[in-house]
Amino acid sequence: MEEQRQEPRVDVELEIRYRTVQEFLTAYSRNISGGGLFIRMSQPHPLNQKVLLRFTLRGLDHEFEVPGIVVWSHASPRSSFPAGMGIKFLQIKPEDAKRITEFVKSAGGAEAPAPKKKKT
């Protein structure tokens, strides 16, 4: 499977409060990047489910409220992939994107893979 991540990320457990059209929920993240986050859960939402995320980052006195969409979902605990869902941030405020990116860098976030060169 080809690597899809485009930004550095850091493993961090954060309490994430989020809303779908049907319900309000609380879960915990596994990692975060400037482009999205991964939420651990045994029964993740389906692909393309829109959510409104609310969370804070350690050391910052700011609550983030970011719309997102499920872009990766995996429910089976019997594989090498963790159960949960990947959320891509949508319409994130530039100042919030900058805060998250700086948090990831200061927490020692792993570098994103270099883009693969296209064959000509």
Protein backbone atom coordinates (compact mmCIF):
# COMPACT_ATOMS: atom_id res chain seq x y z
CA MET A 1 0.00 0.00 0.00
CA GLU A 2 1.41 3.38 -0.99
CA GLU A 3 2.01 5.97 1.74
CA GLN A 4 -0.67 8.69 1.56
CA ARG A 5 0.54 11.04 4.31
CA GLN A 6 1.83 14.37 3.13
CA GLU A 7 2.76 16.06 6.42
CA PRO A 8 4.84 15.23 9.48
CA ARG A 9 2.87 13.71 12.34
CA VAL A 10 3.40 12.95 16.00
CA ASP A 11 2.02 10.18 18.18
CA VAL A 12 -0.06 11.82 20.89
CA GLU A 13 -3.10 10.86 22.89
CA LEU A 14 -5.61 13.71 22.97
CA GLU A 15 -9.21 13.75 24.04
CA ILE A 16 -11.22 14.49 20.91
CA ARG A 17 -14.83 15.61 21.16
CA TYR A 18 -16.65 15.40 17.90
CA ARG A 19 -20.07 15.65 16.38
CA THR A 20 -21.64 13.84 13.48
CA VAL A 21 -25.06 14.53 12.03
CA GLN A 22 -26.50 11.96 14.46
CA GLU A 23 -24.52 12.27 17.71
CA PHE A 24 -21.91 13.86 19.98
CA LEU A 25 -18.98 11.59 20.94
CA THR A 26 -15.67 11.57 22.76
CA ALA A 27 -12.68 9.46 21.71
CA TYR A 28 -8.89 9.57 21.85
CA SER A 29 -6.39 10.30 19.12
CA ARG A 30 -3.41 8.17 18.26
CA ASN A 31 -1.56 10.77 16.21
CA ILE A 32 -1.97 14.19 14.64
CA SER A 33 -0.51 16.18 11.74
CA GLY A 34 -1.25 19.54 10.18
CA GLY A 35 -3.61 17.77 7.78
CA GLY A 36 -5.61 15.54 10.12
CA LEU A 37 -5.60 13.01 12.92
CA PHE A 38 -6.25 9.37 13.71
CA ILE A 39 -8.91 8.45 16.29
CA ARG A 40 -8.75 5.09 18.01
CA MET A 41 -12.12 3.36 18.24
CA SER A 42 -13.51 -0.13 17.82
CA GLN A 43 -16.43 0.94 15.63
CA PRO A 44 -15.21 3.74 13.37
CA HIS A 45 -17.52 5.74 11.16
CA PRO A 46 -17.75 4.99 7.44
CA LEU A 47 -15.69 6.72 4.78
CA ASN A 48 -16.82 10.23 3.82
CA GLN A 49 -18.66 10.76 7.14
CA LYS A 50 -18.31 14.45 8.03
CA VAL A 51 -17.47 15.38 11.62
CA LEU A 52 -16.84 18.53 13.62
CA LEU A 53 -13.79 18.05 15.86
CA ARG A 54 -13.04 19.89 19.10
CA PHE A 55 -9.76 19.43 20.93
CA THR A 56 -6.88 21.16 22.68
CA LEU A 57 -3.16 20.52 22.39
CA ARG A 58 -0.92 20.23 25.43
CA GLY A 59 0.82 23.49 26.20
CA LEU A 60 -1.56 25.62 24.16
CA ASP A 61 -4.35 27.71 25.60
CA HIS A 62 -6.55 27.31 22.55
CA GLU A 63 -9.51 25.10 21.69
CA PHE A 64 -9.55 23.93 18.10
CA GLU A 65 -12.84 23.49 16.28
CA VAL A 66 -12.19 21.94 12.91
CA PRO A 67 -14.52 20.29 10.39
CA GLY A 68 -13.23 17.01 9.02
CA ILE A 69 -14.08 13.97 6.94
CA VAL A 70 -13.32 10.27 7.47
CA VAL A 71 -10.76 9.26 4.84
CA TRP A 72 -9.59 5.97 6.37
CA SER A 73 -11.58 3.52 8.47
CA HIS A 74 -10.64 0.13 9.92
CA ALA A 75 -12.67 -1.86 12.44
CA SER A 76 -10.86 -5.20 12.70
CA PRO A 77 -8.47 -5.51 15.68
CA ARG A 78 -7.03 -8.67 14.10
CA SER A 79 -4.63 -7.06 11.69
CA SER A 80 -1.51 -4.93 11.68
CA PHE A 81 -3.65 -1.82 11.26
CA PRO A 82 -5.16 -0.32 14.41
CA ALA A 83 -8.92 -0.07 14.79
CA GLY A 84 -10.07 3.48 14.22
CA MET A 85 -10.45 6.16 11.61
CA GLY A 86 -8.31 8.76 9.89
CA ILE A 87 -9.85 12.22 9.74
CA LYS A 88 -8.72 14.81 7.20
CA PHE A 89 -9.15 18.42 8.32
CA LEU A 90 -11.43 20.51 6.08
CA GLN A 91 -11.49 24.30 5.94
CA ILE A 92 -9.01 24.69 8.80
CA LYS A 93 -8.21 28.28 9.74
CA PRO A 94 -4.66 29.20 8.67
CA GLU A 95 -3.70 30.17 12.23
CA ASP A 96 -4.99 26.82 13.55
CA ALA A 97 -3.06 24.91 10.87
CA LYS A 98 0.08 26.81 11.90
CA ARG A 99 -0.48 26.05 15.60
CA ILE A 100 -0.90 22.33 14.89
CA THR A 101 2.14 22.20 12.60
CA GLU A 102 4.28 23.94 15.23
CA PHE A 103 2.99 21.55 17.90
CA VAL A 104 3.92 18.54 15.75
CA LYS A 105 7.41 19.93 15.09
CA SER A 106 8.04 20.77 18.75
CA ALA A 107 6.85 17.30 19.81
CA GLY A 108 9.31 15.64 17.44
CA GLY A 109 6.92 14.69 14.67
CA ALA A 110 8.09 12.16 12.11
CA GLU A 111 8.89 13.59 8.72
CA ALA A 112 6.44 12.94 5.95
CA PRO A 113 7.75 10.69 3.19
CA ALA A 114 9.24 12.39 0.16
CA PRO A 115 6.88 12.41 -2.79
CA LYS A 116 7.60 9.68 -5.32
CA LYS A 117 8.92 10.88 -8.66
CA LYS A 118 6.71 10.08 -11.61
CA LYS A 119 8.18 7.91 -14.29
CA THR A 120 8.61 9.72 -17.57
